[in-house]
Every structure is written in structure tokens, then in C-alpha cells.
Amino acid sequence: MYKDILKEISIEYEKKRDRKLREQMMRKEKVYREVPAIKKIDEEIFKIGLTMSKSILNNPDNYKEVAEKAKQKIEKLKMEKAYLMTESNIPVDYMDIDYDCYLCKDTGYLENGTQCNCLKQALVSRAYKMSNIENVLKKENFQTFNINLFKDEPFENELLTPRENMQEIVGIAEGFVNNFDEDNGENLLFYGTTGLGKTFLCNCIAKSLLDKNKIVIYQTAFTILELIEKHRFKKDGAESHSKEYDLLFEADLLIIDDLGTEVANTFTNAEIFNIVNTRILAGKKTIISTNLTPKEISEIYTDRVFSRILDKFIPLKFYGEDLRFEK
């Protein structure tokens, strides 16, 4: 499955590059028609480059001298070209290729051979489309969030009403998105019983950051542990699972939903700690959503997992009436 998806996306990248080259050629032809002198300069630059290559092949000992002379001539011609374009009210970069991603030049891969972030995000987005989460994010985002669903009257022994509490939480969530690129060590822990908007707010954050071309991985704790198991024990589709496993650590944001629904044991506790701790050390941000209280978390997970979560995460308590029944 992974290879098929990667192949499809690679073909899309190839088509994109072809389209960008055609658009560049059309812009060049337009400039050449309007300012013929620029075409002559480009032809001269090409000739100098060709002559330099031939000279180096025929006399490799004089490589530096030949290259330096050619460089000086080309720089002078480029300055003349820039002057002509400025005089003709043409942007200096008008004839360059207008890449969507200048890091990889729309190839999907960096010079060192590793996948570019744009390709990683394309793979994640394709996976989201296949899992139907794309449709979910269209419905559940900050624009569709309705604060009036939460009652504005006292609830049990809480100081704030559920609506006031959610207003504060949404403000923190929006700040988390707006300041996402800052190295502030912010991570969020959403906790509270079922049906209070934790998943909805996770979707809001995911949608906002995906729109900013961030790599967001959103999985339940149970699914994450299934993925880890497949990776560790080399089960079906090893290459696909390896990439998905790496993204748990490398994604700009990891959202672990429903922590506590997985089977807790020494293995699962160690894996959860490893993922969270590695991301914290790397300055990567994480959101954990759980129906457990902090006390229940401490009873299920080891002390170091619990202390790490409390120490590095902002705990945000969701409370009020179950919105599923309110609706």
C-alpha cells in the first residue's frame, strides 16, 4: 500500500514539475518577445558555459583559471540582464521556475536523499483522505466550534462554568496554534470524561496546523501501539509501517487520542514514554487526550511517565454535561 501511494504521489510531483517548466518557458518567450536583448544575453550566457565545459575537457589543468574567467563574464551579463528587466518593469525572478517547494524543487527529496517535509505531508494527507479524516476536519474546526453548546451555569464544585472553562481552553488552543513555531516547549494534556469536546478541539488544532503545511499525525493510543507492534515485530508491510513509525517521532505535531484505552503493560508503558520523551527532547510538540484523571493516569502508568506528562504538558480539564446527550 505504501509503495502504491508513494508511486502515485511521485507521478503527481513529476506532472507538477513538467507544468512548472512549461509555465517558465511561456514566461521566457513573453520576455524575449518584449525585450529581445534579454534573449541575446541568455544565449551568450549559454555559449560561455558551453565553451567553458569544452575548455576544461581539453585542458583540465587550467580548470580554475577558465572557470573564474567564465564566472566573471556570466556575472557581468547577469547584471545587464537584471538592469534590462528592471527597466522594463519585469520582476527579476520572473523567468525562474516557480516551485511550490523550493527546498526540494518539487522533487520530494532533499539533496542528501531524504524525504522533504512536503512529501511527508503529502503522504500523511493521502492517508487522511483514505481514512476519511479529511471530511471530519471540514466539519470540526475552529470556524464550526460553537461555544454556546456549553452551559453557562455552575457545575459541581468547579470555579468556572463549563462555558467559561471552554473559552479559556479554546484561547489556549488558539495560542498553541499561533505560536506553534516558537521553541516554547508547549504540549497539551486534555482530560475529562467522554463527550466534552476533547476530540473536537484536537480536530480544530489539527486542521489549523495542516492548513499551515505542518506535519500532523493524529492517532488513538491503541492504533499507535498496533503500529509499534507491527514495526517491532516486522509484520506485514514492513516498509510502510517503518515510515509511519518514524513519523510518530518526526511529525511537527503528534496527537495521541484516547490514552488509556490501550492495554496497559510494561511494554505499552515503555513505548508511550519513549515516544513522548523523545519528542520532548527533540523539541517536537505533542497533544494527549484522555478520559482518565491525572490520578488514574498515575495508577495505570509508571511514575516517570506520569511525572514527564505533568512536568512538560499543560493540563486542561474538560467538564460539564455530556454534549452527545445535550445535542
C-alpha atoms as a PDB file:
ATOM      1  CA  MET A   1       0.000   0.000   0.000  1.00  0.00           C
ATOM      2  CA  TYR A   2       2.766   2.455   0.970  1.00  0.00           C
ATOM      3  CA  LYS A   3       4.657   1.843  -2.289  1.00  0.00           C
ATOM      4  CA  ASP A   4       1.492   2.388  -4.321  1.00  0.00           C
ATOM      5  CA  ILE A   5       0.726   5.669  -2.547  1.00  0.00           C
ATOM      6  CA  LEU A   6       4.339   6.839  -2.913  1.00  0.00           C
ATOM      7  CA  LYS A   7       4.278   5.967  -6.614  1.00  0.00           C
ATOM      8  CA  GLU A   8       1.058   7.940  -7.151  1.00  0.00           C
ATOM      9  CA  ILE A   9       2.437  10.984  -5.358  1.00  0.00           C
ATOM     10  CA  SER A  10       5.754  10.750  -7.262  1.00  0.00           C
ATOM     11  CA  ILE A  11       3.829  10.843 -10.546  1.00  0.00           C
ATOM     12  CA  GLU A  12       1.958  13.915  -9.294  1.00  0.00           C
ATOM     13  CA  TYR A  13       5.300  15.578  -8.462  1.00  0.00           C
ATOM     14  CA  GLU A  14       6.591  14.776 -11.959  1.00  0.00           C
ATOM     15  CA  LYS A  15       3.488  16.285 -13.562  1.00  0.00           C
ATOM     16  CA  LYS A  16       3.850  19.344 -11.334  1.00  0.00           C
ATOM     17  CA  ARG A  17       7.489  19.861 -12.417  1.00  0.00           C
ATOM     18  CA  ASP A  18       6.516  19.483 -16.093  1.00  0.00           C
ATOM     19  CA  ARG A  19       3.779  22.075 -15.650  1.00  0.00           C
ATOM     20  CA  LYS A  20       6.148  24.461 -13.891  1.00  0.00           C
ATOM     21  CA  LEU A  21       8.705  24.088 -16.713  1.00  0.00           C
ATOM     22  CA  ARG A  22       6.034  24.824 -19.351  1.00  0.00           C
ATOM     23  CA  GLU A  23       4.922  27.903 -17.423  1.00  0.00           C
ATOM     24  CA  GLN A  24       8.542  29.059 -17.136  1.00  0.00           C
ATOM     25  CA  MET A  25       9.055  28.584 -20.893  1.00  0.00           C
ATOM     26  CA  MET A  26       5.950  30.648 -21.647  1.00  0.00           C
ATOM     27  CA  ARG A  27       7.195  33.457 -19.405  1.00  0.00           C
ATOM     28  CA  LYS A  28      10.609  33.352 -21.087  1.00  0.00           C
ATOM     29  CA  GLU A  29       9.109  33.546 -24.566  1.00  0.00           C
ATOM     30  CA  LYS A  30       6.989  36.511 -23.493  1.00  0.00           C
ATOM     31  CA  VAL A  31      10.050  38.369 -22.140  1.00  0.00           C
ATOM     32  CA  TYR A  32      12.086  37.542 -25.252  1.00  0.00           C
ATOM     33  CA  ARG A  33       9.350  38.998 -27.464  1.00  0.00           C
ATOM     34  CA  GLU A  34       9.107  42.174 -25.406  1.00  0.00           C
ATOM     35  CA  VAL A  35      12.860  42.641 -24.799  1.00  0.00           C
ATOM     36  CA  PRO A  36      14.930  40.821 -27.489  1.00  0.00           C
ATOM     37  CA  ALA A  37      18.177  41.992 -25.853  1.00  0.00           C
ATOM     38  CA  ILE A  38      17.464  39.718 -22.883  1.00  0.00           C
ATOM     39  CA  LYS A  39      17.259  36.717 -25.210  1.00  0.00           C
ATOM     40  CA  LYS A  40      20.676  37.609 -26.649  1.00  0.00           C
ATOM     41  CA  ILE A  41      22.139  37.807 -23.139  1.00  0.00           C
ATOM     42  CA  ASP A  42      20.735  34.367 -22.225  1.00  0.00           C
ATOM     43  CA  GLU A  43      22.158  32.916 -25.452  1.00  0.00           C
ATOM     44  CA  GLU A  44      25.548  34.445 -24.658  1.00  0.00           C
ATOM     45  CA  ILE A  45      25.498  33.011 -21.128  1.00  0.00           C
ATOM     46  CA  PHE A  46      24.719  29.578 -22.605  1.00  0.00           C
ATOM     47  CA  LYS A  47      27.607  29.876 -25.095  1.00  0.00           C
ATOM     48  CA  ILE A  48      30.075  30.849 -22.361  1.00  0.00           C
ATOM     49  CA  GLY A  49      29.011  27.844 -20.280  1.00  0.00           C
ATOM     50  CA  LEU A  50      29.411  25.530 -23.282  1.00  0.00           C
ATOM     51  CA  THR A  51      32.829  26.968 -24.158  1.00  0.00           C
ATOM     52  CA  MET A  52      33.976  26.618 -20.556  1.00  0.00           C
ATOM     53  CA  SER A  53      32.963  22.932 -20.491  1.00  0.00           C
ATOM     54  CA  LYS A  54      34.869  22.216 -23.706  1.00  0.00           C
ATOM     55  CA  SER A  55      37.953  24.073 -22.459  1.00  0.00           C
ATOM     56  CA  ILE A  56      38.008  22.116 -19.208  1.00  0.00           C
ATOM     57  CA  LEU A  57      37.703  18.807 -21.075  1.00  0.00           C
ATOM     58  CA  ASN A  58      40.539  19.726 -23.443  1.00  0.00           C
ATOM     59  CA  ASN A  59      42.785  21.245 -20.794  1.00  0.00           C
ATOM     60  CA  PRO A  60      41.737  20.124 -17.267  1.00  0.00           C
ATOM     61  CA  ASP A  61      44.913  21.614 -15.722  1.00  0.00           C
ATOM     62  CA  ASN A  62      43.604  25.148 -16.330  1.00  0.00           C
ATOM     63  CA  TYR A  63      40.204  24.397 -14.742  1.00  0.00           C
ATOM     64  CA  LYS A  64      40.300  27.130 -12.080  1.00  0.00           C
ATOM     65  CA  GLU A  65      41.511  29.853 -14.436  1.00  0.00           C
ATOM     66  CA  VAL A  66      38.941  29.027 -17.133  1.00  0.00           C
ATOM     67  CA  ALA A  67      36.095  28.734 -14.599  1.00  0.00           C
ATOM     68  CA  GLU A  68      36.976  32.070 -12.964  1.00  0.00           C
ATOM     69  CA  LYS A  69      37.025  33.945 -16.298  1.00  0.00           C
ATOM     70  CA  ALA A  70      33.723  32.384 -17.332  1.00  0.00           C
ATOM     71  CA  LYS A  71      32.191  33.248 -13.961  1.00  0.00           C
ATOM     72  CA  GLN A  72      33.185  36.908 -14.293  1.00  0.00           C
ATOM     73  CA  LYS A  73      31.701  37.152 -17.797  1.00  0.00           C
ATOM     74  CA  ILE A  74      28.471  35.461 -16.736  1.00  0.00           C
ATOM     75  CA  GLU A  75      28.087  37.701 -13.659  1.00  0.00           C
ATOM     76  CA  LYS A  76      28.526  40.783 -15.831  1.00  0.00           C
ATOM     77  CA  LEU A  77      25.894  39.548 -18.294  1.00  0.00           C
ATOM     78  CA  LYS A  78      23.502  38.722 -15.445  1.00  0.00           C
ATOM     79  CA  MET A  79      23.819  42.261 -14.118  1.00  0.00           C
ATOM     80  CA  GLU A  80      22.999  43.637 -17.581  1.00  0.00           C
ATOM     81  CA  LYS A  81      20.007  41.307 -17.774  1.00  0.00           C
ATOM     82  CA  ALA A  82      18.753  42.370 -14.317  1.00  0.00           C
ATOM     83  CA  TYR A  83      19.078  46.030 -15.355  1.00  0.00           C
ATOM     84  CA  LEU A  84      17.094  45.453 -18.568  1.00  0.00           C
ATOM     85  CA  MET A  85      14.358  43.585 -16.697  1.00  0.00           C
ATOM     86  CA  THR A  86      14.086  46.299 -14.045  1.00  0.00           C
ATOM     87  CA  GLU A  87      13.905  48.986 -16.767  1.00  0.00           C
ATOM     88  CA  SER A  88      11.112  47.003 -18.460  1.00  0.00           C
ATOM     89  CA  ASN A  89       9.174  46.588 -15.170  1.00  0.00           C
ATOM     90  CA  ILE A  90       9.712  42.828 -15.190  1.00  0.00           C
ATOM     91  CA  PRO A  91      10.405  41.131 -11.800  1.00  0.00           C
ATOM     92  CA  VAL A  92      13.991  39.838 -11.651  1.00  0.00           C
ATOM     93  CA  ASP A  93      12.799  36.301 -10.843  1.00  0.00           C
ATOM     94  CA  TYR A  94      10.034  36.306 -13.468  1.00  0.00           C
ATOM     95  CA  MET A  95      11.833  33.785 -15.693  1.00  0.00           C
ATOM     96  CA  ASP A  96      12.773  31.446 -12.846  1.00  0.00           C
ATOM     97  CA  ILE A  97      10.858  28.233 -12.141  1.00  0.00           C
ATOM     98  CA  ASP A  98       8.113  28.983  -9.616  1.00  0.00           C
ATOM     99  CA  TYR A  99       8.447  25.893  -7.407  1.00  0.00           C
ATOM    100  CA  ASP A 100       5.780  25.064  -4.842  1.00  0.00           C
ATOM    101  CA  CYS A 101       8.605  23.871  -2.571  1.00  0.00           C
ATOM    102  CA  TYR A 102      11.995  25.487  -3.049  1.00  0.00           C
ATOM    103  CA  LEU A 103      13.652  23.122  -0.565  1.00  0.00           C
ATOM    104  CA  CYS A 104      13.311  20.097  -2.851  1.00  0.00           C
ATOM    105  CA  LYS A 105      12.403  21.919  -6.092  1.00  0.00           C
ATOM    106  CA  ASP A 106       9.228  19.867  -6.322  1.00  0.00           C
ATOM    107  CA  THR A 107      11.066  16.552  -6.420  1.00  0.00           C
ATOM    108  CA  GLY A 108      10.002  15.452  -2.941  1.00  0.00           C
ATOM    109  CA  TYR A 109      13.599  14.757  -1.923  1.00  0.00           C
ATOM    110  CA  LEU A 110      16.383  16.902  -0.476  1.00  0.00           C
ATOM    111  CA  GLU A 111      19.950  16.892  -1.817  1.00  0.00           C
ATOM    112  CA  ASN A 112      21.018  14.335   0.805  1.00  0.00           C
ATOM    113  CA  GLY A 113      18.356  11.919  -0.476  1.00  0.00           C
ATOM    114  CA  THR A 114      15.957  12.214   2.485  1.00  0.00           C
ATOM    115  CA  GLN A 115      12.256  12.905   2.033  1.00  0.00           C
ATOM    116  CA  CYS A 116      11.311  16.570   2.047  1.00  0.00           C
ATOM    117  CA  ASN A 117       8.671  17.739   4.525  1.00  0.00           C
ATOM    118  CA  CYS A 118       6.313  18.475   1.629  1.00  0.00           C
ATOM    119  CA  LEU A 119       6.448  14.821   0.538  1.00  0.00           C
ATOM    120  CA  LYS A 120       5.969  13.597   4.097  1.00  0.00           C
ATOM    121  CA  GLN A 121       2.934  15.836   4.437  1.00  0.00           C
ATOM    122  CA  ALA A 122       1.582  14.624   1.089  1.00  0.00           C
ATOM    123  CA  LEU A 123       1.851  11.046   2.354  1.00  0.00           C
ATOM    124  CA  VAL A 124       0.111  11.957   5.610  1.00  0.00           C
ATOM    125  CA  SER A 125      -2.615  13.892   3.793  1.00  0.00           C
ATOM    126  CA  ARG A 126      -3.196  10.975   1.441  1.00  0.00           C
ATOM    127  CA  ALA A 127      -3.518   8.675   4.429  1.00  0.00           C
ATOM    128  CA  TYR A 128      -6.026  11.091   5.980  1.00  0.00           C
ATOM    129  CA  LYS A 129      -8.083  11.082   2.780  1.00  0.00           C
ATOM    130  CA  MET A 130      -8.101   7.304   2.784  1.00  0.00           C
ATOM    131  CA  SER A 131      -9.205   7.201   6.439  1.00  0.00           C
ATOM    132  CA  ASN A 132     -11.935   9.820   5.849  1.00  0.00           C
ATOM    133  CA  ILE A 133     -10.480  12.184   8.473  1.00  0.00           C
ATOM    134  CA  GLU A 134     -10.331  14.924   5.830  1.00  0.00           C
ATOM    135  CA  ASN A 135     -14.141  15.066   5.857  1.00  0.00           C
ATOM    136  CA  VAL A 136     -14.142  15.139   9.659  1.00  0.00           C
ATOM    137  CA  LEU A 137     -11.802  18.148   9.714  1.00  0.00           C
ATOM    138  CA  LYS A 138     -14.097  20.041   7.350  1.00  0.00           C
ATOM    139  CA  LYS A 139     -16.851  19.716   9.938  1.00  0.00           C
ATOM    140  CA  GLU A 140     -14.811  20.028  13.127  1.00  0.00           C
ATOM    141  CA  ASN A 141     -12.587  23.120  13.170  1.00  0.00           C
ATOM    142  CA  PHE A 142     -12.313  26.474  14.940  1.00  0.00           C
ATOM    143  CA  GLN A 143     -14.792  28.044  12.479  1.00  0.00           C
ATOM    144  CA  THR A 144     -17.504  25.498  13.335  1.00  0.00           C
ATOM    145  CA  PHE A 145     -16.781  25.399  17.078  1.00  0.00           C
ATOM    146  CA  ASN A 146     -19.886  26.508  18.986  1.00  0.00           C
ATOM    147  CA  ILE A 147     -19.106  27.757  22.498  1.00  0.00           C
ATOM    148  CA  ASN A 148     -22.848  28.082  23.226  1.00  0.00           C
ATOM    149  CA  LEU A 149     -23.122  24.289  23.437  1.00  0.00           C
ATOM    150  CA  PHE A 150     -21.505  24.543  26.856  1.00  0.00           C
ATOM    151  CA  LYS A 151     -23.741  25.607  29.721  1.00  0.00           C
ATOM    152  CA  ASP A 152     -23.035  28.943  31.358  1.00  0.00           C
ATOM    153  CA  GLU A 153     -24.092  27.921  34.861  1.00  0.00           C
ATOM    154  CA  PRO A 154     -22.169  26.445  37.815  1.00  0.00           C
ATOM    155  CA  PHE A 155     -21.111  22.820  37.550  1.00  0.00           C
ATOM    156  CA  GLU A 156     -20.434  20.782  40.679  1.00  0.00           C
ATOM    157  CA  ASN A 157     -17.550  22.358  42.658  1.00  0.00           C
ATOM    158  CA  GLU A 158     -15.758  23.975  39.700  1.00  0.00           C
ATOM    159  CA  LEU A 159     -14.859  27.671  39.936  1.00  0.00           C
ATOM    160  CA  LEU A 160     -15.769  28.375  36.306  1.00  0.00           C
ATOM    161  CA  THR A 161     -18.903  27.416  34.401  1.00  0.00           C
ATOM    162  CA  PRO A 162     -18.355  24.866  31.594  1.00  0.00           C
ATOM    163  CA  ARG A 163     -18.659  27.688  29.020  1.00  0.00           C
ATOM    164  CA  GLU A 164     -16.140  29.906  30.805  1.00  0.00           C
ATOM    165  CA  ASN A 165     -13.795  26.941  31.136  1.00  0.00           C
ATOM    166  CA  MET A 166     -14.058  26.124  27.425  1.00  0.00           C
ATOM    167  CA  GLN A 167     -13.463  29.756  26.480  1.00  0.00           C
ATOM    168  CA  GLU A 168     -10.166  29.577  28.362  1.00  0.00           C
ATOM    169  CA  ILE A 169      -9.237  26.218  26.833  1.00  0.00           C
ATOM    170  CA  VAL A 170     -10.055  27.389  23.279  1.00  0.00           C
ATOM    171  CA  GLY A 171      -7.952  30.505  23.873  1.00  0.00           C
ATOM    172  CA  ILE A 172      -5.015  28.335  24.936  1.00  0.00           C
ATOM    173  CA  ALA A 173      -5.564  26.054  21.904  1.00  0.00           C
ATOM    174  CA  GLU A 174      -5.583  29.024  19.513  1.00  0.00           C
ATOM    175  CA  GLY A 175      -2.433  30.366  21.165  1.00  0.00           C
ATOM    176  CA  PHE A 176      -0.843  26.931  20.760  1.00  0.00           C
ATOM    177  CA  VAL A 177      -1.531  27.102  17.003  1.00  0.00           C
ATOM    178  CA  ASN A 178      -0.471  30.740  16.578  1.00  0.00           C
ATOM    179  CA  ASN A 179       2.805  30.227  18.489  1.00  0.00           C
ATOM    180  CA  PHE A 180       3.461  26.741  17.145  1.00  0.00           C
ATOM    181  CA  ASP A 181       6.806  27.620  15.528  1.00  0.00           C
ATOM    182  CA  GLU A 182       8.179  29.065  18.750  1.00  0.00           C
ATOM    183  CA  ASP A 183      10.557  26.913  20.760  1.00  0.00           C
ATOM    184  CA  ASN A 184       8.445  27.243  23.903  1.00  0.00           C
ATOM    185  CA  GLY A 185       8.146  23.571  24.881  1.00  0.00           C
ATOM    186  CA  GLU A 186       4.337  23.753  24.879  1.00  0.00           C
ATOM    187  CA  ASN A 187       2.451  20.444  24.970  1.00  0.00           C
ATOM    188  CA  LEU A 188      -1.206  19.986  25.887  1.00  0.00           C
ATOM    189  CA  LEU A 189      -2.975  17.374  28.017  1.00  0.00           C
ATOM    190  CA  PHE A 190      -6.760  17.293  27.524  1.00  0.00           C
ATOM    191  CA  TYR A 191      -8.511  15.257  30.219  1.00  0.00           C
ATOM    192  CA  GLY A 192     -12.107  14.728  31.226  1.00  0.00           C
ATOM    193  CA  THR A 193     -14.953  12.285  30.728  1.00  0.00           C
ATOM    194  CA  THR A 194     -16.376  11.312  27.348  1.00  0.00           C
ATOM    195  CA  GLY A 195     -18.451  13.739  25.279  1.00  0.00           C
ATOM    196  CA  LEU A 196     -16.977  17.050  26.451  1.00  0.00           C
ATOM    197  CA  GLY A 197     -15.301  18.215  23.218  1.00  0.00           C
ATOM    198  CA  LYS A 198     -11.731  16.915  23.632  1.00  0.00           C
ATOM    199  CA  THR A 199     -11.635  15.163  20.261  1.00  0.00           C
ATOM    200  CA  PHE A 200     -13.406  18.072  18.568  1.00  0.00           C
ATOM    201  CA  LEU A 201     -10.776  20.513  19.851  1.00  0.00           C
ATOM    202  CA  CYS A 202      -7.972  18.151  18.761  1.00  0.00           C
ATOM    203  CA  ASN A 203      -9.519  18.236  15.281  1.00  0.00           C
ATOM    204  CA  CYS A 204      -9.610  22.047  15.384  1.00  0.00           C
ATOM    205  CA  ILE A 205      -5.890  22.194  16.139  1.00  0.00           C
ATOM    206  CA  ALA A 206      -5.050  19.509  13.567  1.00  0.00           C
ATOM    207  CA  LYS A 207      -6.983  21.336  10.827  1.00  0.00           C
ATOM    208  CA  SER A 208      -5.342  24.697  11.586  1.00  0.00           C
ATOM    209  CA  LEU A 209      -1.821  23.254  11.508  1.00  0.00           C
ATOM    210  CA  LEU A 210      -2.443  21.125   8.404  1.00  0.00           C
ATOM    211  CA  ASP A 211      -3.558  24.322   6.673  1.00  0.00           C
ATOM    212  CA  LYS A 212      -0.154  25.765   7.619  1.00  0.00           C
ATOM    213  CA  ASN A 213       1.562  22.784   5.932  1.00  0.00           C
ATOM    214  CA  LYS A 214       2.646  21.251   9.222  1.00  0.00           C
ATOM    215  CA  ILE A 215       3.053  17.504   9.511  1.00  0.00           C
ATOM    216  CA  VAL A 216       0.336  16.316  11.886  1.00  0.00           C
ATOM    217  CA  ILE A 217      -0.124  12.713  12.991  1.00  0.00           C
ATOM    218  CA  TYR A 218      -3.418  12.050  14.752  1.00  0.00           C
ATOM    219  CA  GLN A 219      -3.953   8.546  16.103  1.00  0.00           C
ATOM    220  CA  THR A 220      -5.536   6.815  19.068  1.00  0.00           C
ATOM    221  CA  ALA A 221      -3.161   5.313  21.631  1.00  0.00           C
ATOM    222  CA  PHE A 222      -4.473   1.879  20.654  1.00  0.00           C
ATOM    223  CA  THR A 223      -3.649   2.412  16.942  1.00  0.00           C
ATOM    224  CA  ILE A 224      -0.199   3.787  17.790  1.00  0.00           C
ATOM    225  CA  LEU A 225       0.630   0.692  19.803  1.00  0.00           C
ATOM    226  CA  GLU A 226      -0.633  -1.536  16.975  1.00  0.00           C
ATOM    227  CA  LEU A 227       1.699   0.335  14.618  1.00  0.00           C
ATOM    228  CA  ILE A 228       4.622  -0.033  17.037  1.00  0.00           C
ATOM    229  CA  GLU A 229       3.946  -3.761  17.325  1.00  0.00           C
ATOM    230  CA  LYS A 230       3.928  -4.194  13.526  1.00  0.00           C
ATOM    231  CA  HIS A 231       7.153  -2.210  13.247  1.00  0.00           C
ATOM    232  CA  ARG A 232       8.968  -4.007  16.065  1.00  0.00           C
ATOM    233  CA  PHE A 233       7.942  -7.500  15.005  1.00  0.00           C
ATOM    234  CA  LYS A 234       8.284  -6.807  11.247  1.00  0.00           C
ATOM    235  CA  LYS A 235       4.730  -7.738  10.415  1.00  0.00           C
ATOM    236  CA  ASP A 236       3.024  -7.189   7.026  1.00  0.00           C
ATOM    237  CA  GLY A 237       4.079  -4.107   5.046  1.00  0.00           C
ATOM    238  CA  ALA A 238       7.305  -3.512   6.984  1.00  0.00           C
ATOM    239  CA  GLU A 239       8.410  -0.533   4.856  1.00  0.00           C
ATOM    240  CA  SER A 240       5.081   1.242   5.222  1.00  0.00           C
ATOM    241  CA  HIS A 241       4.978   0.665   8.983  1.00  0.00           C
ATOM    242  CA  SER A 242       8.592   1.814   9.324  1.00  0.00           C
ATOM    243  CA  LYS A 243       7.765   5.164   7.706  1.00  0.00           C
ATOM    244  CA  GLU A 244       4.622   5.561   9.812  1.00  0.00           C
ATOM    245  CA  TYR A 245       6.598   4.631  12.926  1.00  0.00           C
ATOM    246  CA  ASP A 246       9.288   7.233  12.161  1.00  0.00           C
ATOM    247  CA  LEU A 247       6.616   9.900  11.723  1.00  0.00           C
ATOM    248  CA  LEU A 248       5.464   9.346  15.318  1.00  0.00           C
ATOM    249  CA  PHE A 249       8.800  10.878  16.312  1.00  0.00           C
ATOM    250  CA  GLU A 250       9.372  13.271  13.385  1.00  0.00           C
ATOM    251  CA  ALA A 251       5.926  14.841  12.839  1.00  0.00           C
ATOM    252  CA  ASP A 252       5.600  18.504  13.764  1.00  0.00           C
ATOM    253  CA  LEU A 253       2.648  17.579  15.964  1.00  0.00           C
ATOM    254  CA  LEU A 254       1.603  14.197  17.340  1.00  0.00           C
ATOM    255  CA  ILE A 255      -1.918  13.928  18.742  1.00  0.00           C
ATOM    256  CA  ILE A 256      -2.445  10.847  20.919  1.00  0.00           C
ATOM    257  CA  ASP A 257      -6.180  10.425  21.361  1.00  0.00           C
ATOM    258  CA  ASP A 258      -7.880   8.190  23.945  1.00  0.00           C
ATOM    259  CA  LEU A 259      -4.820   7.491  26.085  1.00  0.00           C
ATOM    260  CA  GLY A 260      -5.819   4.724  28.488  1.00  0.00           C
ATOM    261  CA  THR A 261      -7.932   2.713  26.033  1.00  0.00           C
ATOM    262  CA  GLU A 262      -4.907   0.620  25.047  1.00  0.00           C
ATOM    263  CA  VAL A 263      -3.937  -2.459  27.074  1.00  0.00           C
ATOM    264  CA  ALA A 264      -1.506  -1.152  29.702  1.00  0.00           C
ATOM    265  CA  ASN A 265       1.523  -3.306  30.489  1.00  0.00           C
ATOM    266  CA  THR A 266       5.283  -2.901  30.807  1.00  0.00           C
ATOM    267  CA  PHE A 267       5.712  -2.878  27.003  1.00  0.00           C
ATOM    268  CA  THR A 268       2.995  -0.309  26.281  1.00  0.00           C
ATOM    269  CA  ASN A 269       4.073   1.959  29.128  1.00  0.00           C
ATOM    270  CA  ALA A 270       7.680   1.926  27.908  1.00  0.00           C
ATOM    271  CA  GLU A 271       6.616   2.680  24.327  1.00  0.00           C
ATOM    272  CA  ILE A 272       4.365   5.577  25.305  1.00  0.00           C
ATOM    273  CA  PHE A 273       7.168   7.020  27.429  1.00  0.00           C
ATOM    274  CA  ASN A 274       9.714   6.547  24.624  1.00  0.00           C
ATOM    275  CA  ILE A 275       7.585   8.396  22.061  1.00  0.00           C
ATOM    276  CA  VAL A 276       6.644  11.266  24.358  1.00  0.00           C
ATOM    277  CA  ASN A 277      10.109  11.633  25.872  1.00  0.00           C
ATOM    278  CA  THR A 278      11.939  11.521  22.519  1.00  0.00           C
ATOM    279  CA  ARG A 279       9.640  14.208  21.104  1.00  0.00           C
ATOM    280  CA  ILE A 280      10.133  16.422  24.165  1.00  0.00           C
ATOM    281  CA  LEU A 281      13.921  16.122  23.899  1.00  0.00           C
ATOM    282  CA  ALA A 282      13.746  16.955  20.171  1.00  0.00           C
ATOM    283  CA  GLY A 283      11.535  19.993  20.787  1.00  0.00           C
ATOM    284  CA  LYS A 284       8.602  18.376  18.971  1.00  0.00           C
ATOM    285  CA  LYS A 285       5.096  19.151  20.223  1.00  0.00           C
ATOM    286  CA  THR A 286       2.517  16.650  21.402  1.00  0.00           C
ATOM    287  CA  ILE A 287      -1.137  16.698  22.462  1.00  0.00           C
ATOM    288  CA  ILE A 288      -2.567  13.916  24.611  1.00  0.00           C
ATOM    289  CA  SER A 289      -6.323  13.453  25.028  1.00  0.00           C
ATOM    290  CA  THR A 290      -7.658  11.074  27.659  1.00  0.00           C
ATOM    291  CA  ASN A 291     -10.768  10.216  29.648  1.00  0.00           C
ATOM    292  CA  LEU A 292      -8.552   9.479  32.655  1.00  0.00           C
ATOM    293  CA  THR A 293      -7.953  11.857  35.533  1.00  0.00           C
ATOM    294  CA  PRO A 294      -4.340  12.641  36.492  1.00  0.00           C
ATOM    295  CA  LYS A 295      -4.765  10.311  39.487  1.00  0.00           C
ATOM    296  CA  GLU A 296      -5.952   7.475  37.235  1.00  0.00           C
ATOM    297  CA  ILE A 297      -3.052   8.092  34.839  1.00  0.00           C
ATOM    298  CA  SER A 298      -0.615   7.765  37.741  1.00  0.00           C
ATOM    299  CA  GLU A 299      -2.199   4.463  38.736  1.00  0.00           C
ATOM    300  CA  ILE A 300      -2.012   2.972  35.225  1.00  0.00           C
ATOM    301  CA  TYR A 301       1.366   4.250  34.034  1.00  0.00           C
ATOM    302  CA  THR A 302       4.748   4.286  35.699  1.00  0.00           C
ATOM    303  CA  ASP A 303       5.739   7.225  37.854  1.00  0.00           C
ATOM    304  CA  ARG A 304       8.269   8.534  35.347  1.00  0.00           C
ATOM    305  CA  VAL A 305       5.662   8.556  32.541  1.00  0.00           C
ATOM    306  CA  PHE A 306       3.224  10.379  34.794  1.00  0.00           C
ATOM    307  CA  SER A 307       5.782  12.913  36.048  1.00  0.00           C
ATOM    308  CA  ARG A 308       7.014  13.572  32.494  1.00  0.00           C
ATOM    309  CA  ILE A 309       3.476  14.278  31.312  1.00  0.00           C
ATOM    310  CA  LEU A 310       2.684  16.618  34.197  1.00  0.00           C
ATOM    311  CA  ASP A 311       6.044  18.351  34.009  1.00  0.00           C
ATOM    312  CA  LYS A 312       6.076  19.073  30.267  1.00  0.00           C
ATOM    313  CA  PHE A 313       2.351  19.320  29.452  1.00  0.00           C
ATOM    314  CA  ILE A 314      -0.250  21.979  30.193  1.00  0.00           C
ATOM    315  CA  PRO A 315      -3.130  20.045  31.849  1.00  0.00           C
ATOM    316  CA  LEU A 316      -6.559  21.259  30.703  1.00  0.00           C
ATOM    317  CA  LYS A 317      -9.624  19.805  32.392  1.00  0.00           C
ATOM    318  CA  PHE A 318     -12.853  19.395  30.403  1.00  0.00           C
ATOM    319  CA  TYR A 319     -16.057  19.198  32.435  1.00  0.00           C
ATOM    320  CA  GLY A 320     -19.783  19.708  32.145  1.00  0.00           C
ATOM    321  CA  GLU A 321     -22.747  17.806  30.754  1.00  0.00           C
ATOM    322  CA  ASP A 322     -22.138  15.147  28.093  1.00  0.00           C
ATOM    323  CA  LEU A 323     -22.635  17.091  24.824  1.00  0.00           C
ATOM    324  CA  ARG A 324     -23.712  13.973  22.951  1.00  0.00           C
ATOM    325  CA  PHE A 325     -26.835  13.784  25.092  1.00  0.00           C
ATOM    326  CA  GLU A 326     -27.278  17.576  25.119  1.00  0.00           C
ATOM    327  CA  LYS A 327     -27.474  17.540  21.323  1.00  0.00           C
END
